[in-house]
PDB file of N, CA and C in Angstrom:
ATOM      1  N   MET A   1       0.752  -1.345   0.462  1.00  0.00           N
ATOM      2  CA  MET A   1      -0.049   0.087  -0.113  1.00  0.00           C
ATOM      3  C   MET A   1       0.570   1.192   0.193  1.00  0.00           C
ATOM      4  N   PHE A   2       0.350   2.319  -0.695  1.00  0.00           N
ATOM      5  CA  PHE A   2       0.957   3.552  -0.646  1.00  0.00           C
ATOM      6  C   PHE A   2      -0.041   4.690  -0.510  1.00  0.00           C
ATOM      7  N   VAL A   3       0.381   5.745  -0.237  1.00  0.00           N
ATOM      8  CA  VAL A   3      -0.858   6.896   0.112  1.00  0.00           C
ATOM      9  C   VAL A   3      -0.412   8.373  -0.672  1.00  0.00           C
ATOM     10  N   VAL A   4      -1.362   8.327  -1.410  1.00  0.00           N
ATOM     11  CA  VAL A   4      -1.351   9.293  -2.289  1.00  0.00           C
ATOM     12  C   VAL A   4      -2.324  10.537  -1.795  1.00  0.00           C
ATOM     13  N   HIS A   5      -1.123  11.454  -1.449  1.00  0.00           N
ATOM     14  CA  HIS A   5      -1.566  13.123  -0.703  1.00  0.00           C
ATOM     15  C   HIS A   5      -1.533  14.055  -1.589  1.00  0.00           C
ATOM     16  N   VAL A   6      -3.062  14.588  -1.959  1.00  0.00           N
ATOM     17  CA  VAL A   6      -3.547  15.621  -2.557  1.00  0.00           C
ATOM     18  C   VAL A   6      -3.683  16.216  -1.643  1.00  0.00           C
ATOM     19  N   ALA A   7      -2.441  17.757  -2.231  1.00  0.00           N
ATOM     20  CA  ALA A   7      -1.964  18.838  -1.245  1.00  0.00           C
ATOM     21  C   ALA A   7      -3.480  19.734  -1.134  1.00  0.00           C
ATOM     22  N   ALA A   8      -3.882  21.269  -1.036  1.00  0.00           N
ATOM     23  CA  ALA A   8      -4.338  22.365  -1.337  1.00  0.00           C
ATOM     24  C   ALA A   8      -3.692  23.057  -2.493  1.00  0.00           C
ATOM     25  N   GLY A   9      -5.208  23.067  -3.085  1.00  0.00           N
ATOM     26  CA  GLY A   9      -5.095  23.622  -4.681  1.00  0.00           C
ATOM     27  C   GLY A   9      -5.082  22.611  -5.918  1.00  0.00           C
ATOM     28  N   GLU A  10      -4.330  21.197  -5.419  1.00  0.00           N
ATOM     29  CA  GLU A  10      -4.628  20.597  -6.523  1.00  0.00           C
ATOM     30  C   GLU A  10      -6.170  19.571  -6.595  1.00  0.00           C
ATOM     31  N   GLU A  11      -6.500  19.021  -8.008  1.00  0.00           N
ATOM     32  CA  GLU A  11      -7.008  18.292  -8.112  1.00  0.00           C
ATOM     33  C   GLU A  11      -7.456  16.679  -8.021  1.00  0.00           C
ATOM     34  N   VAL A  12      -8.327  16.017  -7.094  1.00  0.00           N
ATOM     35  CA  VAL A  12      -7.938  14.720  -6.471  1.00  0.00           C
ATOM     36  C   VAL A  12      -8.371  13.568  -7.161  1.00  0.00           C
ATOM     37  N   VAL A  13      -8.843  13.470  -8.465  1.00  0.00           N
ATOM     38  CA  VAL A  13      -9.298  12.275  -9.708  1.00  0.00           C
ATOM     39  C   VAL A  13      -7.419  12.550 -10.393  1.00  0.00           C
ATOM     40  N   GLY A  14      -7.485  13.360 -10.718  1.00  0.00           N
ATOM     41  CA  GLY A  14      -6.183  13.538 -11.517  1.00  0.00           C
ATOM     42  C   GLY A  14      -4.956  13.881 -10.839  1.00  0.00           C
ATOM     43  N   SER A  15      -5.239  13.526  -9.395  1.00  0.00           N
ATOM     44  CA  SER A  15      -3.626  13.731  -8.787  1.00  0.00           C
ATOM     45  C   SER A  15      -3.176  12.342  -8.707  1.00  0.00           C
ATOM     46  N   ILE A  16      -4.320  11.529  -8.457  1.00  0.00           N
ATOM     47  CA  ILE A  16      -4.336   9.938  -7.949  1.00  0.00           C
ATOM     48  C   ILE A  16      -3.902   9.038  -9.023  1.00  0.00           C
ATOM     49  N   ASN A  17      -4.721   9.799 -10.540  1.00  0.00           N
ATOM     50  CA  ASN A  17      -4.362   9.263 -11.409  1.00  0.00           C
ATOM     51  C   ASN A  17      -3.030   9.287 -11.871  1.00  0.00           C
ATOM     52  N   ARG A  18      -2.205  10.543 -11.867  1.00  0.00           N
ATOM     53  CA  ARG A  18      -1.372  10.386 -12.277  1.00  0.00           C
ATOM     54  C   ARG A  18      -0.321   9.795 -10.754  1.00  0.00           C
ATOM     55  N   GLN A  19      -0.384  10.456  -9.601  1.00  0.00           N
ATOM     56  CA  GLN A  19       0.420   9.363  -8.923  1.00  0.00           C
ATOM     57  C   GLN A  19       0.502   7.946  -9.381  1.00  0.00           C
ATOM     58  N   CYS A  20      -0.879   7.711  -9.400  1.00  0.00           N
ATOM     59  CA  CYS A  20      -0.630   5.872  -9.315  1.00  0.00           C
ATOM     60  C   CYS A  20       0.008   5.442 -11.414  1.00  0.00           C
ATOM     61  N   ALA A  21      -0.129   5.867 -11.731  1.00  0.00           N
ATOM     62  CA  ALA A  21       0.854   5.590 -13.234  1.00  0.00           C
ATOM     63  C   ALA A  21       2.341   6.273 -13.108  1.00  0.00           C
ATOM     64  N   ASP A  22       2.604   7.127 -12.026  1.00  0.00           N
ATOM     65  CA  ASP A  22       4.263   7.533 -12.130  1.00  0.00           C
ATOM     66  C   ASP A  22       4.634   6.187 -11.262  1.00  0.00           C
ATOM     67  N   ARG A  23       3.945   5.615 -10.581  1.00  0.00           N
ATOM     68  CA  ARG A  23       4.008   4.430  -9.557  1.00  0.00           C
ATOM     69  C   ARG A  23       4.277   2.999 -11.076  1.00  0.00           C
ATOM     70  N   GLY A  24       3.799   2.733 -11.775  1.00  0.00           N
ATOM     71  CA  GLY A  24       3.070   1.931 -12.513  1.00  0.00           C
ATOM     72  C   GLY A  24       1.627   1.048 -12.409  1.00  0.00           C
ATOM     73  N   ILE A  25       0.908   1.520 -11.483  1.00  0.00           N
ATOM     74  CA  ILE A  25      -0.471   1.020 -11.220  1.00  0.00           C
ATOM     75  C   ILE A  25      -1.357   1.232 -12.179  1.00  0.00           C
ATOM     76  N   SER A  26      -2.158   0.257 -12.624  1.00  0.00           N
ATOM     77  CA  SER A  26      -3.028   0.496 -13.180  1.00  0.00           C
ATOM     78  C   SER A  26      -3.797  -0.067 -12.809  1.00  0.00           C
ATOM     79  N   GLN A  27      -4.148  -1.249 -11.807  1.00  0.00           N
ATOM     80  CA  GLN A  27      -5.082  -2.014 -11.034  1.00  0.00           C
ATOM     81  C   GLN A  27      -4.862  -1.677  -9.202  1.00  0.00           C
ATOM     82  N   ALA A  28      -6.041  -1.414  -8.701  1.00  0.00           N
ATOM     83  CA  ALA A  28      -6.045  -0.737  -7.536  1.00  0.00           C
ATOM     84  C   ALA A  28      -7.229  -0.706  -6.261  1.00  0.00           C
ATOM     85  N   GLY A  29      -6.834  -0.796  -5.399  1.00  0.00           N
ATOM     86  CA  GLY A  29      -8.171  -0.552  -4.535  1.00  0.00           C
ATOM     87  C   GLY A  29      -7.777   0.660  -3.670  1.00  0.00           C
ATOM     88  N   ILE A  30      -8.455   1.671  -3.238  1.00  0.00           N
ATOM     89  CA  ILE A  30      -8.452   2.969  -2.592  1.00  0.00           C
ATOM     90  C   ILE A  30      -9.386   3.199  -1.579  1.00  0.00           C
ATOM     91  N   LEU A  31      -9.086   4.004  -0.662  1.00  0.00           N
ATOM     92  CA  LEU A  31      -9.619   4.005   0.237  1.00  0.00           C
ATOM     93  C   LEU A  31      -9.611   5.824   0.563  1.00  0.00           C
ATOM     94  N   LEU A  32     -10.357   6.431   0.529  1.00  0.00           N
ATOM     95  CA  LEU A  32     -10.234   7.586   0.376  1.00  0.00           C
ATOM     96  C   LEU A  32     -10.700   8.765   1.647  1.00  0.00           C
ATOM     97  N   VAL A  33     -10.343   9.728   2.129  1.00  0.00           N
ATOM     98  CA  VAL A  33     -10.528  11.005   3.166  1.00  0.00           C
ATOM     99  C   VAL A  33      -9.653  12.170   3.166  1.00  0.00           C
ATOM    100  N   GLY A  34     -10.603  13.189   3.555  1.00  0.00           N
ATOM    101  CA  GLY A  34     -10.337  14.105   3.252  1.00  0.00           C
ATOM    102  C   GLY A  34     -11.613  15.418   3.636  1.00  0.00           C
ATOM    103  N   ALA A  35     -10.812  16.688   3.156  1.00  0.00           N
ATOM    104  CA  ALA A  35     -12.035  17.701   2.553  1.00  0.00           C
ATOM    105  C   ALA A  35     -11.554  18.638   1.350  1.00  0.00           C
ATOM    106  N   VAL A  36     -12.848  18.808   0.874  1.00  0.00           N
ATOM    107  CA  VAL A  36     -12.610  19.748  -0.575  1.00  0.00           C
ATOM    108  C   VAL A  36     -13.109  21.551  -0.172  1.00  0.00           C
ATOM    109  N   LYS A  37     -13.193  21.892  -1.762  1.00  0.00           N
ATOM    110  CA  LYS A  37     -13.786  23.462  -1.440  1.00  0.00           C
ATOM    111  C   LYS A  37     -14.984  23.308  -2.868  1.00  0.00           C
ATOM    112  N   GLY A  38     -14.741  21.991  -3.253  1.00  0.00           N
ATOM    113  CA  GLY A  38     -15.577  22.006  -4.101  1.00  0.00           C
ATOM    114  C   GLY A  38     -15.431  20.888  -5.463  1.00  0.00           C
ATOM    115  N   CYS A  39     -16.593  20.146  -5.612  1.00  0.00           N
ATOM    116  CA  CYS A  39     -16.459  18.907  -6.201  1.00  0.00           C
ATOM    117  C   CYS A  39     -17.757  18.705  -7.206  1.00  0.00           C
ATOM    118  N   THR A  40     -17.783  17.827  -7.933  1.00  0.00           N
ATOM    119  CA  THR A  40     -18.585  17.562  -9.315  1.00  0.00           C
ATOM    120  C   THR A  40     -19.040  15.638  -8.604  1.00  0.00           C
ATOM    121  N   ILE A  41     -20.375  15.793  -8.394  1.00  0.00           N
ATOM    122  CA  ILE A  41     -20.610  14.270  -8.294  1.00  0.00           C
ATOM    123  C   ILE A  41     -21.956  13.747  -9.159  1.00  0.00           C
ATOM    124  N   SER A  42     -21.803  12.654  -9.949  1.00  0.00           N
ATOM    125  CA  SER A  42     -22.516  12.655  -9.937  1.00  0.00           C
ATOM    126  C   SER A  42     -23.763  11.217  -9.334  1.00  0.00           C
ATOM    127  N   VAL A  43     -24.938  10.829  -9.422  1.00  0.00           N
ATOM    128  CA  VAL A  43     -26.104   9.966  -9.633  1.00  0.00           C
ATOM    129  C   VAL A  43     -26.646   9.661 -10.826  1.00  0.00           C
ATOM    130  N   MET A  44     -27.154   8.318 -10.608  1.00  0.00           N
ATOM    131  CA  MET A  44     -28.233   8.071 -11.872  1.00  0.00           C
ATOM    132  C   MET A  44     -29.717   8.105 -12.162  1.00  0.00           C
ATOM    133  N   PRO A  45     -30.032   8.555 -13.055  1.00  0.00           N
ATOM    134  CA  PRO A  45     -31.679   8.706 -12.518  1.00  0.00           C
ATOM    135  C   PRO A  45     -33.002   7.707 -12.410  1.00  0.00           C
ATOM    136  N   ARG A  46     -33.691   7.617 -12.346  1.00  0.00           N
ATOM    137  CA  ARG A  46     -34.272   6.832 -12.045  1.00  0.00           C
ATOM    138  C   ARG A  46     -34.580   5.879 -12.953  1.00  0.00           C
ATOM    139  N   ASP A  47     -34.518   6.466 -14.244  1.00  0.00           N
ATOM    140  CA  ASP A  47     -35.144   5.180 -15.334  1.00  0.00           C
ATOM    141  C   ASP A  47     -34.291   4.727 -16.161  1.00  0.00           C
ATOM    142  N   ASP A  48     -33.096   5.370 -15.851  1.00  0.00           N
ATOM    143  CA  ASP A  48     -31.794   4.741 -16.473  1.00  0.00           C
ATOM    144  C   ASP A  48     -30.662   4.948 -16.069  1.00  0.00           C
ATOM    145  N   GLU A  49     -30.231   3.966 -15.324  1.00  0.00           N
ATOM    146  CA  GLU A  49     -28.770   3.432 -14.772  1.00  0.00           C
ATOM    147  C   GLU A  49     -27.748   3.367 -15.551  1.00  0.00           C
ATOM    148  N   THR A  50     -27.928   3.788 -16.764  1.00  0.00           N
ATOM    149  CA  THR A  50     -26.964   3.767 -17.550  1.00  0.00           C
ATOM    150  C   THR A  50     -25.970   5.158 -18.400  1.00  0.00           C
ATOM    151  N   ALA A  51     -27.009   6.362 -17.477  1.00  0.00           N
ATOM    152  CA  ALA A  51     -27.129   7.705 -17.594  1.00  0.00           C
ATOM    153  C   ALA A  51     -26.519   8.355 -16.107  1.00  0.00           C
ATOM    154  N   ASP A  52     -25.852   9.784 -16.157  1.00  0.00           N
ATOM    155  CA  ASP A  52     -25.463  10.046 -15.126  1.00  0.00           C
ATOM    156  C   ASP A  52     -25.823  11.516 -15.509  1.00  0.00           C
ATOM    157  N   ILE A  53     -26.673  12.150 -13.785  1.00  0.00           N
ATOM    158  CA  ILE A  53     -26.432  13.495 -13.669  1.00  0.00           C
ATOM    159  C   ILE A  53     -25.446  13.974 -12.711  1.00  0.00           C
ATOM    160  N   LEU A  54     -25.243  15.189 -13.405  1.00  0.00           N
ATOM    161  CA  LEU A  54     -23.793  15.818 -13.157  1.00  0.00           C
ATOM    162  C   LEU A  54     -24.231  16.772 -11.994  1.00  0.00           C
ATOM    163  N   THR A  55     -23.753  17.397 -11.252  1.00  0.00           N
ATOM    164  CA  THR A  55     -24.111  18.517  -9.890  1.00  0.00           C
ATOM    165  C   THR A  55     -22.787  18.985  -9.608  1.00  0.00           C
ATOM    166  N   ASP A  56     -22.384  20.012  -9.733  1.00  0.00           N
ATOM    167  CA  ASP A  56     -21.024  20.966  -9.430  1.00  0.00           C
ATOM    168  C   ASP A  56     -21.270  21.616  -8.056  1.00  0.00           C
ATOM    169  N   TYR A  57     -20.777  21.208  -7.105  1.00  0.00           N
ATOM    170  CA  TYR A  57     -21.022  21.700  -5.613  1.00  0.00           C
ATOM    171  C   TYR A  57     -19.991  22.424  -5.162  1.00  0.00           C
ATOM    172  N   ASP A  58     -19.912  24.150  -5.041  1.00  0.00           N
ATOM    173  CA  ASP A  58     -18.716  24.742  -5.025  1.00  0.00           C
ATOM    174  C   ASP A  58     -18.926  25.119  -3.505  1.00  0.00           C
ATOM    175  N   GLU A  59     -18.541  24.021  -3.187  1.00  0.00           N
ATOM    176  CA  GLU A  59     -18.892  24.760  -0.975  1.00  0.00           C
ATOM    177  C   GLU A  59     -17.788  23.439  -0.687  1.00  0.00           C
ATOM    178  N   PRO A  60     -17.543  23.633   0.549  1.00  0.00           N
ATOM    179  CA  PRO A  60     -16.737  23.118   1.705  1.00  0.00           C
ATOM    180  C   PRO A  60     -17.315  21.533   1.936  1.00  0.00           C
ATOM    181  N   PHE A  61     -16.724  20.850   1.786  1.00  0.00           N
ATOM    182  CA  PHE A  61     -17.432  19.479   2.268  1.00  0.00           C
ATOM    183  C   PHE A  61     -16.336  18.672   2.759  1.00  0.00           C
ATOM    184  N   GLU A  62     -16.641  17.889   4.116  1.00  0.00           N
ATOM    185  CA  GLU A  62     -15.300  16.438   4.568  1.00  0.00           C
ATOM    186  C   GLU A  62     -15.838  15.618   3.264  1.00  0.00           C
ATOM    187  N   LEU A  63     -14.807  14.530   2.885  1.00  0.00           N
ATOM    188  CA  LEU A  63     -14.680  13.758   1.563  1.00  0.00           C
ATOM    189  C   LEU A  63     -14.600  12.173   2.430  1.00  0.00           C
ATOM    190  N   THR A  64     -15.354  11.126   2.382  1.00  0.00           N
ATOM    191  CA  THR A  64     -14.623  10.341   2.407  1.00  0.00           C
ATOM    192  C   THR A  64     -15.085   8.836   1.313  1.00  0.00           C
ATOM    193  N   GLY A  65     -14.412   7.642   1.009  1.00  0.00           N
ATOM    194  CA  GLY A  65     -14.907   7.196  -0.570  1.00  0.00           C
ATOM    195  C   GLY A  65     -13.916   5.892  -0.238  1.00  0.00           C
ATOM    196  N   ARG A  66     -14.079   5.433  -1.531  1.00  0.00           N
ATOM    197  CA  ARG A  66     -13.340   3.885  -1.889  1.00  0.00           C
ATOM    198  C   ARG A  66     -13.707   3.692  -3.221  1.00  0.00           C
ATOM    199  N   GLY A  67     -13.132   3.278  -3.790  1.00  0.00           N
ATOM    200  CA  GLY A  67     -13.119   3.184  -5.212  1.00  0.00           C
ATOM    201  C   GLY A  67     -11.575   2.287  -5.620  1.00  0.00           C
ATOM    202  N   GLU A  68     -11.691   2.635  -6.957  1.00  0.00           N
ATOM    203  CA  GLU A  68     -10.388   1.623  -7.702  1.00  0.00           C
ATOM    204  C   GLU A  68      -9.856   2.590  -8.481  1.00  0.00           C
ATOM    205  N   ILE A  69      -9.187   1.555  -9.396  1.00  0.00           N
ATOM    206  CA  ILE A  69      -7.820   1.638  -9.749  1.00  0.00           C
ATOM    207  C   ILE A  69      -8.021   0.752 -10.968  1.00  0.00           C
ATOM    208  N   VAL A  70      -8.276   1.171 -12.316  1.00  0.00           N
ATOM    209  CA  VAL A  70      -9.370   0.673 -13.412  1.00  0.00           C
ATOM    210  C   VAL A  70      -8.371   0.985 -14.727  1.00  0.00           C
ATOM    211  N   ASP A  71      -7.491  -0.055 -15.166  1.00  0.00           N
ATOM    212  CA  ASP A  71      -6.462  -0.082 -16.323  1.00  0.00           C
ATOM    213  C   ASP A  71      -5.879   1.901 -16.296  1.00  0.00           C
ATOM    214  N   GLY A  72      -5.802   2.387 -14.957  1.00  0.00           N
ATOM    215  CA  GLY A  72      -4.877   3.165 -15.214  1.00  0.00           C
ATOM    216  C   GLY A  72      -6.100   4.385 -14.354  1.00  0.00           C
ATOM    217  N   ARG A  73      -7.265   4.423 -14.486  1.00  0.00           N
ATOM    218  CA  ARG A  73      -8.299   5.328 -14.392  1.00  0.00           C
ATOM    219  C   ARG A  73      -9.117   5.208 -12.957  1.00  0.00           C
ATOM    220  N   ALA A  74      -8.756   6.743 -12.018  1.00  0.00           N
ATOM    221  CA  ALA A  74      -9.350   6.287 -10.750  1.00  0.00           C
ATOM    222  C   ALA A  74     -11.133   5.847 -10.970  1.00  0.00           C
ATOM    223  N   HIS A  75     -11.830   5.235 -10.217  1.00  0.00           N
ATOM    224  CA  HIS A  75     -13.341   4.896 -10.134  1.00  0.00           C
ATOM    225  C   HIS A  75     -13.410   5.814  -8.700  1.00  0.00           C
ATOM    226  N   LEU A  76     -14.009   6.627  -8.306  1.00  0.00           N
ATOM    227  CA  LEU A  76     -14.085   6.608  -6.660  1.00  0.00           C
ATOM    228  C   LEU A  76     -15.965   6.777  -6.791  1.00  0.00           C
ATOM    229  N   HIS A  77     -15.943   6.454  -5.589  1.00  0.00           N
ATOM    230  CA  HIS A  77     -17.676   6.393  -5.217  1.00  0.00           C
ATOM    231  C   HIS A  77     -17.872   7.428  -3.655  1.00  0.00           C
ATOM    232  N   VAL A  78     -17.976   8.104  -3.250  1.00  0.00           N
ATOM    233  CA  VAL A  78     -17.747   8.850  -2.394  1.00  0.00           C
ATOM    234  C   VAL A  78     -19.142   9.403  -1.469  1.00  0.00           C
ATOM    235  N   ALA A  79     -18.753   9.870   0.037  1.00  0.00           N
ATOM    236  CA  ALA A  79     -20.097  11.275   0.276  1.00  0.00           C
ATOM    237  C   ALA A  79     -19.650  11.690   1.310  1.00  0.00           C
ATOM    238  N   ALA A  80     -20.125  12.933   0.809  1.00  0.00           N
ATOM    239  CA  ALA A  80     -19.395  14.597   1.123  1.00  0.00           C
ATOM    240  C   ALA A  80     -20.580  14.807   2.208  1.00  0.00           C
ATOM    241  N   GLY A  81     -19.804  15.493   3.165  1.00  0.00           N
ATOM    242  CA  GLY A  81     -20.907  16.186   3.973  1.00  0.00           C
ATOM    243  C   GLY A  81     -20.536  17.982   3.979  1.00  0.00           C
ATOM    244  N   GLY A  82     -21.218  18.495   4.149  1.00  0.00           N
ATOM    245  CA  GLY A  82     -21.111  19.953   4.317  1.00  0.00           C
ATOM    246  C   GLY A  82     -22.189  20.652   5.271  1.00  0.00           C
ATOM    247  N   GLU A  83     -22.023  21.816   5.849  1.00  0.00           N
ATOM    248  CA  GLU A  83     -23.267  22.413   6.324  1.00  0.00           C
ATOM    249  C   GLU A  83     -24.741  22.564   5.573  1.00  0.00           C
ATOM    250  N   GLY A  84     -25.290  21.732   6.669  1.00  0.00           N
ATOM    251  CA  GLY A  84     -27.239  21.131   5.581  1.00  0.00           C
ATOM    252  C   GLY A  84     -26.753  20.398   4.999  1.00  0.00           C
ATOM    253  N   ARG A  85     -26.019  19.697   4.411  1.00  0.00           N
ATOM    254  CA  ARG A  85     -26.248  19.237   2.920  1.00  0.00           C
ATOM    255  C   ARG A  85     -25.084  17.571   3.175  1.00  0.00           C
ATOM    256  N   THR A  86     -25.598  16.804   2.995  1.00  0.00           N
ATOM    257  CA  THR A  86     -24.873  15.322   2.648  1.00  0.00           C
ATOM    258  C   THR A  86     -25.201  14.755   1.135  1.00  0.00           C
ATOM    259  N   VAL A  87     -24.282  14.549   0.682  1.00  0.00           N
ATOM    260  CA  VAL A  87     -24.450  13.676  -0.904  1.00  0.00           C
ATOM    261  C   VAL A  87     -23.568  12.868  -0.892  1.00  0.00           C
ATOM    262  N   VAL A  88     -24.347  11.947  -1.967  1.00  0.00           N
ATOM    263  CA  VAL A  88     -23.183  10.335  -2.458  1.00  0.00           C
ATOM    264  C   VAL A  88     -23.095  10.160  -3.768  1.00  0.00           C
ATOM    265  N   GLY A  89     -22.258   9.437  -4.546  1.00  0.00           N
ATOM    266  CA  GLY A  89     -22.129   9.209  -5.862  1.00  0.00           C
ATOM    267  C   GLY A  89     -20.909   8.949  -6.105  1.00  0.00           C
ATOM    268  N   HIS A  90     -20.779   9.231  -7.672  1.00  0.00           N
ATOM    269  CA  HIS A  90     -19.660   8.914  -8.281  1.00  0.00           C
ATOM    270  C   HIS A  90     -18.351  10.092  -8.625  1.00  0.00           C
ATOM    271  N   LEU A  91     -18.010  10.555  -8.099  1.00  0.00           N
ATOM    272  CA  LEU A  91     -16.871  11.732  -7.731  1.00  0.00           C
ATOM    273  C   LEU A  91     -16.076  11.507  -9.274  1.00  0.00           C
ATOM    274  N   HIS A  92     -16.371  12.674  -9.916  1.00  0.00           N
ATOM    275  CA  HIS A  92     -15.571  12.920 -11.482  1.00  0.00           C
ATOM    276  C   HIS A  92     -14.589  14.037 -11.268  1.00  0.00           C
ATOM    277  N   ARG A  93     -14.885  15.151 -10.154  1.00  0.00           N
ATOM    278  CA  ARG A  93     -13.910  15.866  -9.654  1.00  0.00           C
ATOM    279  C   ARG A  93     -14.063  16.703  -8.045  1.00  0.00           C
ATOM    280  N   ALA A  94     -12.863  16.884  -7.902  1.00  0.00           N
ATOM    281  CA  ALA A  94     -13.087  17.674  -6.672  1.00  0.00           C
ATOM    282  C   ALA A  94     -11.608  18.504  -6.149  1.00  0.00           C
ATOM    283  N   LEU A  95     -11.853  19.810  -5.997  1.00  0.00           N
ATOM    284  CA  LEU A  95     -10.605  20.716  -6.073  1.00  0.00           C
ATOM    285  C   LEU A  95     -10.254  20.929  -4.310  1.00  0.00           C
ATOM    286  N   VAL A  96      -8.609  20.705  -4.011  1.00  0.00           N
ATOM    287  CA  VAL A  96      -8.467  20.522  -2.228  1.00  0.00           C
ATOM    288  C   VAL A  96      -8.323  21.976  -2.040  1.00  0.00           C
ATOM    289  N   GLY A  97      -8.931  22.481  -1.041  1.00  0.00           N
ATOM    290  CA  GLY A  97      -9.157  24.053  -0.658  1.00  0.00           C
ATOM    291  C   GLY A  97      -8.075  23.919   0.406  1.00  0.00           C
ATOM    292  N   GLY A  98      -7.989  24.274   2.042  1.00  0.00           N
ATOM    293  CA  GLY A  98      -7.542  24.955   2.974  1.00  0.00           C
ATOM    294  C   GLY A  98      -6.606  22.648   3.467  1.00  0.00           C
ATOM    295  N   TRP A  99      -7.839  22.669   2.988  1.00  0.00           N
ATOM    296  CA  TRP A  99      -6.959  21.232   4.265  1.00  0.00           C
ATOM    297  C   TRP A  99      -6.362  20.412   3.295  1.00  0.00           C
ATOM    298  N   PHE A 100      -6.774  19.015   2.780  1.00  0.00           N
ATOM    299  CA  PHE A 100      -5.981  17.899   2.409  1.00  0.00           C
ATOM    300  C   PHE A 100      -6.689  16.538   1.285  1.00  0.00           C
ATOM    301  N   VAL A 101      -6.596  15.785   1.015  1.00  0.00           N
ATOM    302  CA  VAL A 101      -7.464  13.973   0.445  1.00  0.00           C
ATOM    303  C   VAL A 101      -5.827  13.508   0.533  1.00  0.00           C
ATOM    304  N   ARG A 102      -6.347  12.548   1.211  1.00  0.00           N
ATOM    305  CA  ARG A 102      -5.408  10.877   1.107  1.00  0.00           C
ATOM    306  C   ARG A 102      -6.101   9.778   0.691  1.00  0.00           C
ATOM    307  N   ALA A 103      -5.539   9.449  -0.592  1.00  0.00           N
ATOM    308  CA  ALA A 103      -5.833   8.271  -1.228  1.00  0.00           C
ATOM    309  C   ALA A 103      -4.857   6.949  -0.781  1.00  0.00           C
ATOM    310  N   TYR A 104      -5.223   6.312   0.059  1.00  0.00           N
ATOM    311  CA  TYR A 104      -4.984   4.732   0.576  1.00  0.00           C
ATOM    312  C   TYR A 104      -5.157   3.656  -1.083  1.00  0.00           C
ATOM    313  N   VAL A 105      -4.193   3.277  -1.314  1.00  0.00           N
ATOM    314  CA  VAL A 105      -4.076   2.597  -2.952  1.00  0.00           C
ATOM    315  C   VAL A 105      -3.198   1.121  -2.396  1.00  0.00           C
ATOM    316  N   THR A 106      -4.344   0.581  -2.537  1.00  0.00           N
ATOM    317  CA  THR A 106      -3.274  -0.812  -2.425  1.00  0.00           C
ATOM    318  C   THR A 106      -3.595  -1.445  -3.662  1.00  0.00           C
ATOM    319  N   PRO A 107      -1.938  -1.859  -4.662  1.00  0.00           N
ATOM    320  CA  PRO A 107      -1.871  -2.401  -5.835  1.00  0.00           C
ATOM    321  C   PRO A 107      -2.704  -3.770  -6.130  1.00  0.00           C
ATOM    322  N   ARG A 108      -3.053  -4.094  -7.432  1.00  0.00           N
ATOM    323  CA  ARG A 108      -4.096  -5.432  -7.388  1.00  0.00           C
ATOM    324  C   ARG A 108      -2.482  -6.344  -8.164  1.00  0.00           C
ATOM    325  N   ASP A 109      -2.337  -7.432  -8.271  1.00  0.00           N
ATOM    326  CA  ASP A 109      -1.542  -8.385  -9.628  1.00  0.00           C
ATOM    327  C   ASP A 109      -1.655  -7.934 -10.473  1.00  0.00           C
TER     328      ASP A 109
END
């Protein structure tokens, strides 16, 4: 296992992809924890499980999640909570503000 540290000002998904690629990791499991200042999360519409409804959140959230690296790309499902709101779904983008995000990555053979 290794830890991907995503610092203030960095985008989470891209940073995880880049740091895994730098280590030659194309398949892995991920646990995620931290805080962001904004993100894009999707859910599926009720009548079409193959579609995505993307929502941008421009507010700080505590973030936790899990996922995997498949063919070198992060696929992350998260729960994000902020002032009076909690959202869950597939993480497309997240920007770290004054805190950090850490991804605990366990490579697979």
